[in-house]
Protein backbone atom coordinates (compact mmCIF):
# COMPACT_ATOMS: atom_id res chain seq x y z
CA UNK A 1 -3.23 -94.01 77.72
CA UNK A 2 -0.52 -92.14 75.77
CA UNK A 3 -2.87 -91.78 72.79
CA UNK A 4 -5.63 -90.50 75.06
CA UNK A 5 -3.23 -88.08 76.73
CA UNK A 6 -2.14 -86.90 73.28
CA UNK A 7 -5.73 -86.21 72.30
CA UNK A 8 -6.30 -84.28 75.51
CA UNK A 9 -3.08 -82.40 74.77
CA UNK A 10 -4.43 -81.46 71.34
CA UNK A 11 -7.71 -80.31 72.86
CA UNK A 12 -5.89 -78.28 75.49
CA UNK A 13 -3.55 -76.75 72.91
CA UNK A 14 -6.15 -75.92 70.26
CA UNK A 15 -9.19 -75.00 72.35
CA UNK A 16 -10.19 -73.22 75.54
CA UNK A 17 -11.77 -76.40 76.88
CA UNK A 18 -10.29 -77.83 80.11
CA UNK A 19 -8.04 -80.76 79.25
CA UNK A 20 -6.40 -81.64 82.55
CA UNK A 21 -2.64 -81.96 82.93
CA UNK A 22 -0.54 -79.47 80.99
CA UNK A 23 2.23 -82.06 80.45
CA UNK A 24 -0.05 -83.95 78.06
CA UNK A 25 1.39 -81.74 75.33
CA UNK A 26 4.47 -83.96 75.55
CA UNK A 27 2.32 -86.86 74.34
CA UNK A 28 0.93 -84.68 71.57
CA UNK A 29 4.41 -84.00 70.23
CA UNK A 30 4.65 -87.60 69.02
CA UNK A 31 1.11 -87.59 67.60
CA UNK A 32 0.53 -84.24 65.95
CA UNK A 33 -1.99 -85.89 63.62
CA UNK A 34 -4.37 -85.65 66.59
CA UNK A 35 -4.84 -82.00 65.63
CA UNK A 36 -7.37 -83.27 63.09
CA UNK A 37 -9.34 -85.17 65.72
CA UNK A 38 -9.42 -82.07 67.89
CA UNK A 39 -10.77 -80.27 64.84
CA UNK A 40 -13.64 -82.77 64.71
CA UNK A 41 -14.57 -81.94 68.31
CA UNK A 42 -14.40 -78.19 67.66
CA UNK A 43 -16.42 -78.57 64.47
CA UNK A 44 -19.11 -80.64 66.16
CA UNK A 45 -19.47 -78.07 68.95
CA UNK A 46 -19.66 -75.17 66.49
CA UNK A 47 -22.03 -77.11 64.25
CA UNK A 48 -24.36 -77.72 67.20
CA UNK A 49 -24.26 -74.02 68.11
CA UNK A 50 -24.99 -73.10 64.48
CA UNK A 51 -27.98 -75.43 64.37
CA UNK A 52 -29.43 -73.90 67.53
CA UNK A 53 -28.83 -70.34 66.33
CA UNK A 54 -30.47 -71.09 62.98
CA UNK A 55 -33.61 -72.09 64.90
CA UNK A 56 -33.47 -69.08 67.22
CA UNK A 57 -32.55 -66.52 64.55
CA UNK A 58 -34.34 -67.49 61.34
CA UNK A 59 -33.86 -64.96 58.58
CA UNK A 60 -31.05 -63.03 60.30
CA UNK A 61 -27.78 -64.11 58.62
CA UNK A 62 -25.89 -61.00 59.76
CA UNK A 63 -26.59 -61.48 63.47
CA UNK A 64 -26.03 -65.21 63.09
CA UNK A 65 -22.61 -64.62 61.50
CA UNK A 66 -21.47 -62.30 64.29
CA UNK A 67 -22.55 -64.79 66.96
CA UNK A 68 -20.83 -67.66 65.14
CA UNK A 69 -17.55 -65.73 64.87
CA UNK A 70 -17.76 -65.02 68.60
CA UNK A 71 -18.44 -68.73 69.22
CA UNK A 72 -15.44 -69.79 67.12
CA UNK A 73 -13.04 -67.75 69.23
CA UNK A 74 -14.74 -68.59 72.51
CA UNK A 75 -13.85 -72.24 71.88
CA UNK A 76 -10.57 -71.89 70.00
CA UNK A 77 -9.05 -68.90 71.80
CA UNK A 78 -6.97 -66.16 70.22
CA UNK A 79 -3.59 -67.88 69.82
CA UNK A 80 -3.94 -68.44 66.10
CA UNK A 81 -5.44 -65.00 65.57
CA UNK A 82 -2.42 -63.55 67.34
CA UNK A 83 -0.24 -65.65 65.02
CA UNK A 84 -2.00 -64.13 62.02
CA UNK A 85 -1.33 -60.61 63.28
CA UNK A 86 2.35 -61.40 63.88
CA UNK A 87 2.56 -62.94 60.41
CA UNK A 88 1.06 -59.76 58.95
CA UNK A 89 3.58 -57.60 60.81
CA UNK A 90 6.41 -59.77 59.57
CA UNK A 91 5.64 -59.89 55.87
CA UNK A 92 4.72 -56.20 55.67
CA UNK A 93 7.91 -55.05 57.41
CA UNK A 94 10.34 -53.25 55.10
CA UNK A 95 13.99 -54.12 55.00
CA UNK A 96 16.12 -57.22 55.37
CA UNK A 97 15.02 -60.72 56.26
CA UNK A 98 16.40 -60.21 59.76
CA UNK A 99 14.18 -57.16 60.21
CA UNK A 100 11.15 -59.11 59.02
CA UNK A 101 11.90 -61.92 61.49
CA UNK A 102 12.21 -59.38 64.31
CA UNK A 103 8.81 -57.94 63.36
CA UNK A 104 7.39 -61.47 63.25
CA UNK A 105 8.62 -62.20 66.77
CA UNK A 106 7.84 -58.74 68.19
CA UNK A 107 5.11 -58.81 70.85
CA UNK A 108 3.82 -55.38 69.82
CA UNK A 109 0.98 -55.16 67.30
CA UNK A 110 1.88 -53.23 64.16
CA UNK A 111 -0.07 -51.76 61.27
CA UNK A 112 0.39 -54.86 59.13
CA UNK A 113 -1.00 -57.07 61.84
CA UNK A 114 -4.02 -54.82 62.34
CA UNK A 115 -4.71 -54.81 58.60
CA UNK A 116 -4.51 -58.60 58.41
CA UNK A 117 -6.92 -59.03 61.33
CA UNK A 118 -9.44 -56.52 59.97
CA UNK A 119 -9.39 -58.07 56.50
CA UNK A 120 -9.63 -61.55 57.97
CA UNK A 121 -12.76 -60.74 59.97
CA UNK A 122 -14.34 -58.98 57.00
CA UNK A 123 -13.83 -62.04 54.81
CA UNK A 124 -14.94 -64.42 57.56
CA UNK A 125 -18.13 -62.44 58.18
CA UNK A 126 -19.00 -62.20 54.48
CA UNK A 127 -18.40 -65.91 53.86
CA UNK A 128 -20.40 -67.13 56.85
CA UNK A 129 -23.20 -64.68 56.08
CA UNK A 130 -23.30 -65.81 52.44
CA UNK A 131 -23.44 -69.49 53.37
CA UNK A 132 -26.12 -68.79 55.97
CA UNK A 133 -28.21 -66.76 53.52
CA UNK A 134 -28.05 -69.62 51.04
CA UNK A 135 -29.23 -72.09 53.65
CA UNK A 136 -32.10 -69.79 54.65
CA UNK A 137 -33.32 -69.14 51.10
CA UNK A 138 -32.68 -72.54 49.50
CA UNK A 139 -32.67 -76.20 50.40
CA UNK A 140 -28.98 -76.85 49.81
CA UNK A 141 -27.27 -80.09 50.62
CA UNK A 142 -24.57 -79.18 53.15
CA UNK A 143 -25.84 -76.73 55.74
CA UNK A 144 -23.81 -74.21 57.73
CA UNK A 145 -23.29 -76.70 60.59
CA UNK A 146 -21.61 -79.21 58.24
CA UNK A 147 -19.58 -76.40 56.70
CA UNK A 148 -18.26 -75.43 60.13
CA UNK A 149 -17.31 -79.03 60.89
CA UNK A 150 -15.37 -79.44 57.65
CA UNK A 151 -13.74 -76.02 58.00
CA UNK A 152 -12.37 -76.83 61.45
CA UNK A 153 -11.08 -80.25 60.41
CA UNK A 154 -9.26 -79.00 57.32
CA UNK A 155 -7.87 -75.96 59.13
CA UNK A 156 -6.26 -78.22 61.74
CA UNK A 157 -4.88 -80.49 59.01
CA UNK A 158 -3.48 -77.41 57.29
CA UNK A 159 -1.40 -76.70 60.39
CA UNK A 160 0.08 -80.19 60.11
CA UNK A 161 0.77 -79.59 56.41
CA UNK A 162 2.66 -76.39 57.16
CA UNK A 163 4.59 -78.03 60.01
CA UNK A 164 5.57 -80.94 57.76
CA UNK A 165 6.64 -78.86 54.77
CA UNK A 166 8.26 -75.96 56.59
CA UNK A 167 11.73 -75.55 58.08
CA UNK A 168 11.84 -73.94 61.56
CA UNK A 169 13.79 -70.70 61.77
CA UNK A 170 14.26 -70.75 65.56
CA UNK A 171 13.55 -72.83 68.63
CA UNK A 172 10.10 -72.59 70.15
CA UNK A 173 6.65 -74.17 70.13
CA UNK A 174 6.54 -74.05 66.35
CA UNK A 175 9.85 -75.88 65.99
CA UNK A 176 8.69 -78.56 68.45
CA UNK A 177 5.62 -79.21 66.32
CA UNK A 178 7.52 -79.03 63.02
CA UNK A 179 10.37 -81.27 64.20
CA UNK A 180 7.88 -83.94 65.27
CA UNK A 181 5.71 -83.75 62.17
CA UNK A 182 7.02 -85.92 59.37
CA UNK A 183 5.34 -87.41 56.32
CA UNK A 184 3.88 -90.23 58.41
CA UNK A 185 2.10 -87.78 60.72
CA UNK A 186 0.87 -85.82 57.70
CA UNK A 187 -0.46 -88.99 56.06
CA UNK A 188 -2.37 -90.12 59.15
CA UNK A 189 -3.82 -86.62 59.57
CA UNK A 190 -4.82 -86.60 55.90
CA UNK A 191 -6.58 -89.97 56.20
CA UNK A 192 -8.52 -88.80 59.26
CA UNK A 193 -9.43 -85.48 57.65
CA UNK A 194 -10.35 -87.05 54.31
CA UNK A 195 -12.62 -89.58 56.01
CA UNK A 196 -14.46 -86.89 57.99
CA UNK A 197 -14.78 -84.55 55.00
CA UNK A 198 -16.02 -87.35 52.73
CA UNK A 199 -18.65 -88.48 55.23
CA UNK A 200 -19.77 -84.87 55.70
CA UNK A 201 -19.78 -83.68 52.08
CA UNK A 202 -18.76 -86.47 49.76
CA UNK A 203 -16.33 -85.61 46.98
CA UNK A 204 -16.89 -81.90 47.66
CA UNK A 205 -15.36 -82.41 51.10
CA UNK A 206 -12.17 -83.75 49.52
CA UNK A 207 -12.02 -80.70 47.26
CA UNK A 208 -12.26 -78.45 50.33
CA UNK A 209 -9.47 -80.42 52.03
CA UNK A 210 -7.15 -80.17 49.03
CA UNK A 211 -7.75 -76.43 48.70
CA UNK A 212 -7.00 -75.94 52.39
CA UNK A 213 -3.74 -77.87 51.98
CA UNK A 214 -2.82 -75.68 49.02
CA UNK A 215 -3.34 -72.63 51.24
CA UNK A 216 -0.75 -74.11 53.61
CA UNK A 217 1.68 -74.47 50.74
CA UNK A 218 1.15 -70.77 50.02
CA UNK A 219 1.91 -69.93 53.66
CA UNK A 220 5.13 -71.98 53.52
CA UNK A 221 6.24 -70.34 50.26
CA UNK A 222 5.56 -66.83 51.61
CA UNK A 223 7.29 -67.68 54.90
CA UNK A 224 10.36 -69.02 53.12
CA UNK A 225 10.57 -65.90 50.99
CA UNK A 226 10.22 -63.42 53.84
CA UNK A 227 11.66 -65.28 56.86
CA UNK A 228 13.73 -68.13 55.46
CA UNK A 229 11.44 -70.71 57.05
CA UNK A 230 8.51 -71.03 59.45
CA UNK A 231 7.75 -70.60 63.12
CA UNK A 232 4.68 -71.10 65.29
CA UNK A 233 3.07 -67.94 63.92
CA UNK A 234 3.25 -69.33 60.40
CA UNK A 235 1.62 -72.57 61.54
CA UNK A 236 -1.13 -70.66 63.35
CA UNK A 237 -1.68 -68.48 60.27
CA UNK A 238 -2.34 -71.64 58.27
CA UNK A 239 -5.22 -72.45 60.59
CA UNK A 240 -6.91 -69.08 60.04
CA UNK A 241 -6.28 -68.94 56.29
CA UNK A 242 -7.51 -72.51 55.76
CA UNK A 243 -10.78 -71.68 57.53
CA UNK A 244 -11.40 -68.87 55.04
CA UNK A 245 -10.40 -71.06 52.11
CA UNK A 246 -12.74 -73.82 53.30
CA UNK A 247 -15.75 -71.51 53.53
CA UNK A 248 -14.88 -69.90 50.21
CA UNK A 249 -14.49 -73.25 48.47
CA UNK A 250 -17.82 -74.52 49.81
CA UNK A 251 -19.49 -71.33 48.59
CA UNK A 252 -17.93 -71.68 45.12
CA UNK A 253 -18.91 -75.35 44.90
CA UNK A 254 -22.50 -74.51 45.72
CA UNK A 255 -22.53 -71.58 43.28
CA UNK A 256 -21.26 -73.97 40.62
CA UNK A 257 -24.15 -76.28 41.39
CA UNK A 258 -26.58 -73.41 40.90
CA UNK A 259 -25.02 -72.59 37.53
CA UNK A 260 -25.27 -76.25 36.47
CA UNK A 261 -29.03 -76.25 37.10
CA UNK A 262 -29.66 -72.80 35.62
CA UNK A 263 -31.71 -72.92 32.37
CA UNK A 264 -30.05 -71.37 29.34
């Protein structure tokens, strides 16, 4: 029952889906690797939506991409997007580390946060549109639905990576997750994520997972430099950045396949 409650806690924490009792997050604290399983559920839902939209909107990658971005945030909420904006405010703030931390924790949205959100959506739109256009015009092996599944799984594992590697700078939700995420939790999350990615994409799925984890390392390094550690916003930023990295890596892998088959 504790494991089940932990999974419901992960679903309630990472999605907008109803997950029952709010105190189930207490069970999640001891099993943060369940983030990856919640990512599977999110990815399956988004993959199903993508499959339906591809049937309803054949030949319209732009409209499809907009509807998929809306779907992503309908099911995942805006918590991690808000984290990305706070992260942008923090690292673009001028002055001492203390000033940067204040900007990171400030509830008001600044110019840096706006810039990060705008750039993020531009990249997300372009990547989804590019992957969709490829699927429409060619018979490629993955499909946008599979790409969405893998992207959500690796983005959730990236949050665990950041929580494991980072040092909390203050008490809060982020410190609760980080303090309860050791190497064991990271390893279990990696095994779950690697299994799902391998089943979905084979070796290419593992490449996507590794690249997403590297993006988390980048977030930790940047956070250490600017803030002296991480908080919940840094963990949430890892989720958004890893999603972009996953889509970008899948696109590059497929482009490499095209080059390999191109006659010279």
